Protein backbone atom coordinates (compact mmCIF):
# COMPACT_ATOMS: atom_id res chain seq x y z
CA UNK A 1 92.02 92.51 117.03
CA UNK A 2 90.82 89.75 119.35
CA UNK A 3 87.59 88.96 121.13
CA UNK A 4 87.53 89.32 124.90
CA UNK A 5 85.28 86.32 125.56
CA UNK A 6 84.85 82.81 124.25
CA UNK A 7 81.03 83.08 124.20
CA UNK A 8 79.30 82.27 120.94
CA UNK A 9 76.63 84.80 119.90
CA UNK A 10 73.11 83.77 120.84
CA UNK A 11 70.92 82.24 118.12
CA UNK A 12 69.21 84.81 115.90
CA UNK A 13 67.66 83.73 112.58
CA UNK A 14 67.24 87.28 111.20
CA UNK A 15 70.82 88.20 112.01
CA UNK A 16 72.10 85.04 110.36
CA UNK A 17 70.06 85.77 107.24
CA UNK A 18 71.59 89.25 107.02
CA UNK A 19 75.07 87.72 107.42
CA UNK A 20 74.34 85.22 104.63
CA UNK A 21 73.19 88.04 102.36
CA UNK A 22 76.34 90.04 103.06
CA UNK A 23 78.52 87.05 102.25
CA UNK A 24 76.64 86.35 99.03
CA UNK A 25 77.14 89.95 97.94
CA UNK A 26 80.85 89.95 98.79
CA UNK A 27 82.29 86.49 99.55
CA UNK A 28 85.87 87.72 99.99
CA UNK A 29 85.25 91.03 101.77
CA UNK A 30 87.20 92.80 99.02
CA UNK A 31 84.31 95.13 98.18
CA UNK A 32 83.86 96.12 101.82
CA UNK A 33 87.60 96.71 102.06
CA UNK A 34 87.34 99.04 99.08
CA UNK A 35 84.52 100.92 100.83
CA UNK A 36 86.73 101.43 103.88
CA UNK A 37 89.67 102.61 101.72
CA UNK A 38 87.42 105.00 99.79
CA UNK A 39 85.98 106.42 103.01
CA UNK A 40 89.40 107.23 104.44
CA UNK A 41 90.41 108.82 101.14
CA UNK A 42 87.20 110.85 101.00
CA UNK A 43 87.77 112.21 104.51
CA UNK A 44 91.45 112.99 103.88
CA UNK A 45 90.64 114.74 100.56
CA UNK A 46 94.32 114.35 99.77
CA UNK A 47 94.16 115.79 96.26
CA UNK A 48 93.32 119.17 97.80
CA UNK A 49 94.89 118.94 101.24
CA UNK A 50 97.84 116.53 100.96
CA UNK A 51 96.61 114.74 104.10
CA UNK A 52 96.98 110.99 104.50
CA UNK A 53 96.83 110.25 108.26
CA UNK A 54 93.99 110.02 110.77
CA UNK A 55 95.72 112.38 113.20
CA UNK A 56 95.75 115.10 110.53
CA UNK A 57 91.95 115.35 110.63
CA UNK A 58 89.88 117.81 112.63
CA UNK A 59 87.60 116.41 115.32
CA UNK A 60 84.49 117.21 113.28
CA UNK A 61 85.91 115.33 110.28
CA UNK A 62 86.60 112.27 112.41
CA UNK A 63 83.02 112.38 113.68
CA UNK A 64 81.77 112.56 110.08
CA UNK A 65 83.60 109.36 109.06
CA UNK A 66 80.68 107.10 109.97
CA UNK A 67 78.26 109.05 107.81
CA UNK A 68 80.59 108.86 104.79
CA UNK A 69 81.11 105.14 105.43
CA UNK A 70 77.34 104.60 105.42
CA UNK A 71 76.92 106.59 102.18
CA UNK A 72 79.76 104.75 100.43
CA UNK A 73 78.44 101.36 101.55
CA UNK A 74 74.96 102.11 100.23
CA UNK A 75 76.39 103.23 96.89
CA UNK A 76 78.66 100.20 96.59
CA UNK A 77 76.02 97.59 97.46
CA UNK A 78 72.86 99.45 96.41
CA UNK A 79 71.14 98.70 99.70
CA UNK A 80 67.53 99.87 99.85
CA UNK A 81 66.68 102.41 102.52
CA UNK A 82 65.38 100.84 105.70
CA UNK A 83 61.92 101.73 106.95
CA UNK A 84 63.23 103.11 110.25
CA UNK A 85 66.96 102.41 110.11
CA UNK A 86 69.71 102.96 107.52
CA UNK A 87 69.49 99.93 105.25
CA UNK A 88 67.29 97.05 104.30
CA UNK A 89 69.34 93.85 103.96
CA UNK A 90 67.65 90.49 103.32
CA UNK A 91 64.34 92.21 103.98
CA UNK A 92 65.44 93.34 107.45
CA UNK A 93 65.98 96.87 108.80
CA UNK A 94 69.66 97.32 109.74
CA UNK A 95 71.42 100.30 111.27
CA UNK A 96 75.00 101.04 110.12
CA UNK A 97 77.60 102.05 112.68
CA UNK A 98 81.32 102.75 112.36
CA UNK A 99 83.76 103.28 115.23
CA UNK A 100 87.45 103.95 114.89
CA UNK A 101 87.79 102.37 118.35
CA UNK A 102 86.89 98.70 118.26
CA UNK A 103 83.61 98.08 120.13
CA UNK A 104 82.76 101.75 120.77
CA UNK A 105 79.80 102.04 118.40
CA UNK A 106 77.33 104.71 119.53
CA UNK A 107 73.87 103.12 119.40
CA UNK A 108 70.73 105.31 119.47
CA UNK A 109 67.51 104.29 121.26
CA UNK A 110 65.74 103.44 117.99
CA UNK A 111 68.12 100.54 117.29
CA UNK A 112 67.41 98.75 120.58
CA UNK A 113 65.88 95.38 119.77
CA UNK A 114 66.96 95.70 116.14
CA UNK A 115 70.00 94.74 114.10
CA UNK A 116 73.10 96.87 113.67
CA UNK A 117 75.85 96.40 111.11
CA UNK A 118 78.95 97.39 113.09
CA UNK A 119 82.34 98.10 111.56
CA UNK A 120 85.74 99.26 112.73
CA UNK A 121 89.19 99.61 111.25
CA UNK A 122 92.59 101.24 111.23
CA UNK A 123 94.29 102.88 108.29
CA UNK A 124 97.66 102.48 109.99
CA UNK A 125 97.31 98.68 110.03
CA UNK A 126 95.09 98.53 106.89
CA UNK A 127 92.71 96.12 108.64
CA UNK A 128 88.96 96.25 109.10
CA UNK A 129 86.22 94.25 110.83
CA UNK A 130 82.51 94.09 110.07
CA UNK A 131 79.75 92.19 111.83
CA UNK A 132 76.07 92.15 112.74
CA UNK A 133 74.57 92.29 116.23
CA UNK A 134 71.09 92.33 117.74
CA UNK A 135 71.12 95.34 120.08
CA UNK A 136 69.34 93.95 123.13
CA UNK A 137 68.92 95.96 126.31
CA UNK A 138 70.84 93.33 128.24
CA UNK A 139 73.80 93.91 125.90
CA UNK A 140 74.02 97.57 126.95
CA UNK A 141 75.58 98.98 130.11
CA UNK A 142 73.39 100.68 132.67
CA UNK A 143 73.50 104.45 132.57
CA UNK A 144 72.23 107.43 130.66
CA UNK A 145 74.61 107.26 127.68
CA UNK A 146 75.77 110.45 126.01
CA UNK A 147 73.63 113.59 125.62
CA UNK A 148 71.88 112.04 122.61
CA UNK A 149 71.02 109.03 124.79
CA UNK A 150 73.33 106.82 122.75
CA UNK A 151 74.96 103.83 124.39
CA UNK A 152 77.76 101.42 123.52
CA UNK A 153 77.71 97.65 123.82
CA UNK A 154 78.82 96.21 127.14
CA UNK A 155 81.75 93.82 127.33
CA UNK A 156 79.34 90.92 127.08
CA UNK A 157 77.38 92.67 124.31
CA UNK A 158 80.51 92.83 122.18
CA UNK A 159 80.74 89.04 122.31
CA UNK A 160 77.31 88.90 120.66
CA UNK A 161 78.54 90.41 117.39
CA UNK A 162 78.41 87.84 114.59
CA UNK A 163 81.52 88.75 112.66
CA UNK A 164 81.40 88.55 108.89
CA UNK A 165 85.03 89.67 108.55
CA UNK A 166 87.42 90.14 111.43
CA UNK A 167 90.75 91.92 111.17
CA UNK A 168 90.82 91.55 107.39
CA UNK A 169 93.09 93.59 105.10
CA UNK A 170 91.98 96.46 102.91
CA UNK A 171 94.09 98.38 100.37
CA UNK A 172 96.84 100.08 102.36
CA UNK A 173 98.17 103.60 102.11
CA UNK A 174 101.82 103.14 101.26
CA UNK A 175 102.56 106.50 102.92
CA UNK A 176 101.79 104.80 106.24
CA UNK A 177 104.11 101.88 105.47
CA UNK A 178 107.35 103.47 104.31
CA UNK A 179 109.73 105.22 106.74
CA UNK A 180 108.77 108.72 107.89
CA UNK A 181 111.96 110.25 106.49
CA UNK A 182 111.07 108.86 103.06
CA UNK A 183 107.62 110.44 103.31
CA UNK A 184 109.24 113.76 104.26
CA UNK A 185 111.51 113.47 101.24
CA UNK A 186 108.48 112.87 99.00
CA UNK A 187 106.58 115.90 100.25
CA UNK A 188 109.75 117.97 100.25
CA UNK A 189 109.84 117.96 96.43
CA UNK A 190 108.67 121.23 94.90
CA UNK A 191 106.42 119.99 92.10
CA UNK A 192 103.66 117.39 91.93
CA UNK A 193 105.55 115.49 89.22
CA UNK A 194 108.72 115.35 91.34
CA UNK A 195 106.74 114.20 94.38
CA UNK A 196 105.14 111.36 92.41
CA UNK A 197 108.52 110.29 91.03
CA UNK A 198 109.95 110.21 94.55
CA UNK A 199 106.91 108.24 95.74
CA UNK A 200 107.54 105.50 93.20
CA UNK A 201 111.25 105.41 94.08
CA UNK A 202 110.51 105.08 97.80
CA UNK A 203 107.68 102.56 97.30
CA UNK A 204 109.53 100.24 94.89
CA UNK A 205 107.96 96.79 95.17
CA UNK A 206 104.91 98.03 97.13
CA UNK A 207 101.36 98.51 95.89
CA UNK A 208 100.46 102.20 95.56
CA UNK A 209 96.78 103.12 95.48
CA UNK A 210 95.77 105.77 92.97
CA UNK A 211 94.47 107.90 95.87
CA UNK A 212 98.03 108.08 97.19
CA UNK A 213 99.26 109.36 93.84
CA UNK A 214 96.55 112.03 93.94
CA UNK A 215 97.53 112.99 97.49
CA UNK A 216 101.22 113.31 96.65
CA UNK A 217 100.56 115.15 93.37
CA UNK A 218 97.76 117.20 94.97
CA UNK A 219 95.64 116.82 91.88
CA UNK A 220 92.86 114.48 90.79
CA UNK A 221 94.35 113.12 87.53
CA UNK A 222 96.61 110.38 88.85
CA UNK A 223 96.90 108.77 85.41
CA UNK A 224 98.46 111.93 83.98
CA UNK A 225 101.21 111.75 86.62
CA UNK A 226 101.90 108.06 85.91
CA UNK A 227 101.56 107.46 82.19
CA UNK A 228 104.44 107.40 79.73
CA UNK A 229 103.90 110.67 77.88
CA UNK A 230 105.50 112.93 80.47
CA UNK A 231 104.58 111.09 83.69
CA UNK A 232 106.64 108.90 85.99
CA UNK A 233 106.93 106.09 83.43
CA UNK A 234 108.94 108.49 81.28
CA UNK A 235 110.97 110.26 83.96
CA UNK A 236 111.89 107.12 85.92
CA UNK A 237 112.69 104.85 82.97
CA UNK A 238 116.38 105.94 82.80
CA UNK A 239 116.69 104.79 86.44
CA UNK A 240 115.31 101.37 85.49
CA UNK A 241 111.83 101.77 86.95
CA UNK A 242 108.69 100.24 85.48
CA UNK A 243 105.41 101.65 86.80
CA UNK A 244 102.80 98.92 86.35
CA UNK A 245 99.03 99.23 86.46
CA UNK A 246 96.89 96.66 88.24
CA UNK A 247 94.31 97.13 85.51
CA UNK A 248 96.50 96.82 82.43
CA UNK A 249 99.67 94.98 83.48
CA UNK A 250 98.44 92.20 85.77
CA UNK A 251 100.40 89.58 83.80
CA UNK A 252 103.66 91.48 84.32
CA UNK A 253 102.96 91.95 88.03
CA UNK A 254 102.45 88.19 88.38
CA UNK A 255 105.44 87.30 86.19
CA UNK A 256 107.70 89.47 88.35
CA UNK A 257 106.51 87.57 91.43
CA UNK A 258 104.29 90.16 93.12
CA UNK A 259 100.81 89.69 94.62
CA UNK A 260 97.85 90.64 92.46
CA UNK A 261 96.97 94.34 92.42
CA UNK A 262 93.49 95.82 92.36
CA UNK A 263 92.59 97.85 89.24
CA UNK A 264 93.13 101.01 91.35
CA UNK A 265 96.74 100.21 92.31
CA UNK A 266 100.15 100.78 90.75
CA UNK A 267 103.46 99.02 91.34
CA UNK A 268 106.90 100.44 90.67
CA UNK A 269 109.59 97.82 90.00
CA UNK A 270 113.22 98.51 89.20
CA UNK A 271 114.48 96.15 86.51
CA UNK A 272 117.65 95.26 84.64
CA UNK A 273 118.16 93.06 81.57
CA UNK A 274 118.25 89.36 82.44
CA UNK A 275 121.59 87.65 81.98
CA UNK A 276 119.79 84.38 81.23
CA UNK A 277 117.96 84.46 77.88
CA UNK A 278 115.57 81.75 79.09
CA UNK A 279 114.47 83.46 82.29
CA UNK A 280 112.90 86.78 83.09
CA UNK A 281 109.92 88.75 81.85
CA UNK A 282 109.70 89.46 78.13
CA UNK A 283 109.06 93.16 77.48
CA UNK A 284 109.80 94.97 74.23
CA UNK A 285 111.59 91.95 72.78
CA UNK A 286 114.00 91.49 75.69
CA UNK A 287 113.97 89.61 79.00
CA UNK A 288 114.10 91.61 82.24
CA UNK A 289 114.42 90.75 85.93
CA UNK A 290 113.98 92.73 89.12
CA UNK A 291 116.96 94.82 90.18
CA UNK A 292 118.99 93.52 93.14
CA UNK A 293 121.23 95.53 95.50
CA UNK A 294 124.61 95.86 93.85
CA UNK A 295 123.23 95.84 90.30
CA UNK A 296 124.32 98.70 88.10
CA UNK A 297 121.49 100.26 86.11
CA UNK A 298 122.90 101.17 82.71
CA UNK A 299 119.85 100.41 80.55
CA UNK A 300 116.57 102.32 80.68
CA UNK A 301 113.46 100.37 81.60
CA UNK A 302 111.54 99.26 78.52
CA UNK A 303 108.33 100.82 77.26
CA UNK A 304 105.36 98.89 78.59
CA UNK A 305 103.07 97.00 76.19
CA UNK A 306 99.69 98.43 75.34
CA UNK A 307 96.90 97.62 77.78
CA UNK A 308 97.37 93.97 78.63
CA UNK A 309 99.21 92.88 75.45
CA UNK A 310 101.45 89.92 76.28
CA UNK A 311 104.78 89.01 74.77
CA UNK A 312 106.25 85.49 74.61
């Protein structure tokens, strides 16, 4: 996503104070990214419907996204209710607006002259943007707006957004990253357990959010489908797969050379015993390395250590 103009937003002390407050609450944007992920997952309701794409939603559901985003944001950050608008941030009334189309926020008459927290994103690219803008009349196009008298920012008005985060990543849906034929193969399995197993095979080396496990299994208890006593850790071990938790196996994820997971993500990694006794990851008294094309898997993956226990 790129800005259309080079103009810097006009000076606005209240807006800047709201931006500072937002950055103090979430310096990295990770918490806002989690809100966006949770909102998509709430709308998809994958555990009941098996849906995971925006184009699978009904028009009314798409329209409802902004409301769910606002609710999730208020829960995550415990914003006070505004006096006339959605939130109070840094002592200032702020309206919250989401648009799936960048810049197309629908702004009601009551926000004119006030601040709006505007956000946009794409689940396909797993990127989001969030900023704050003073909704001045001169930032709006001439015209009547829609039937609710809502207007969008003009081209110039969009340059007046003070971005807090722009085109930043949020936890991706792996089902939107792997090839379509692999997704078809996952959903073509007859049972929830078989679908989750196929998910971890297809997504080897990729972070898998727990919501994706729920969607594929079509049940809420993702941990049941993953854990060792009958879940994918058991069924995939003979094929050499470890299924790591971002919450309990962060040290193994790092030792195997992968980026840090969130506590709500899993990672499947196919491993074989290391030929070099001085290199590899120590698990269950033996060193292991990631499988490479051409390797023959003749040894089951080891049992994972209890919640965060390290071996040397």
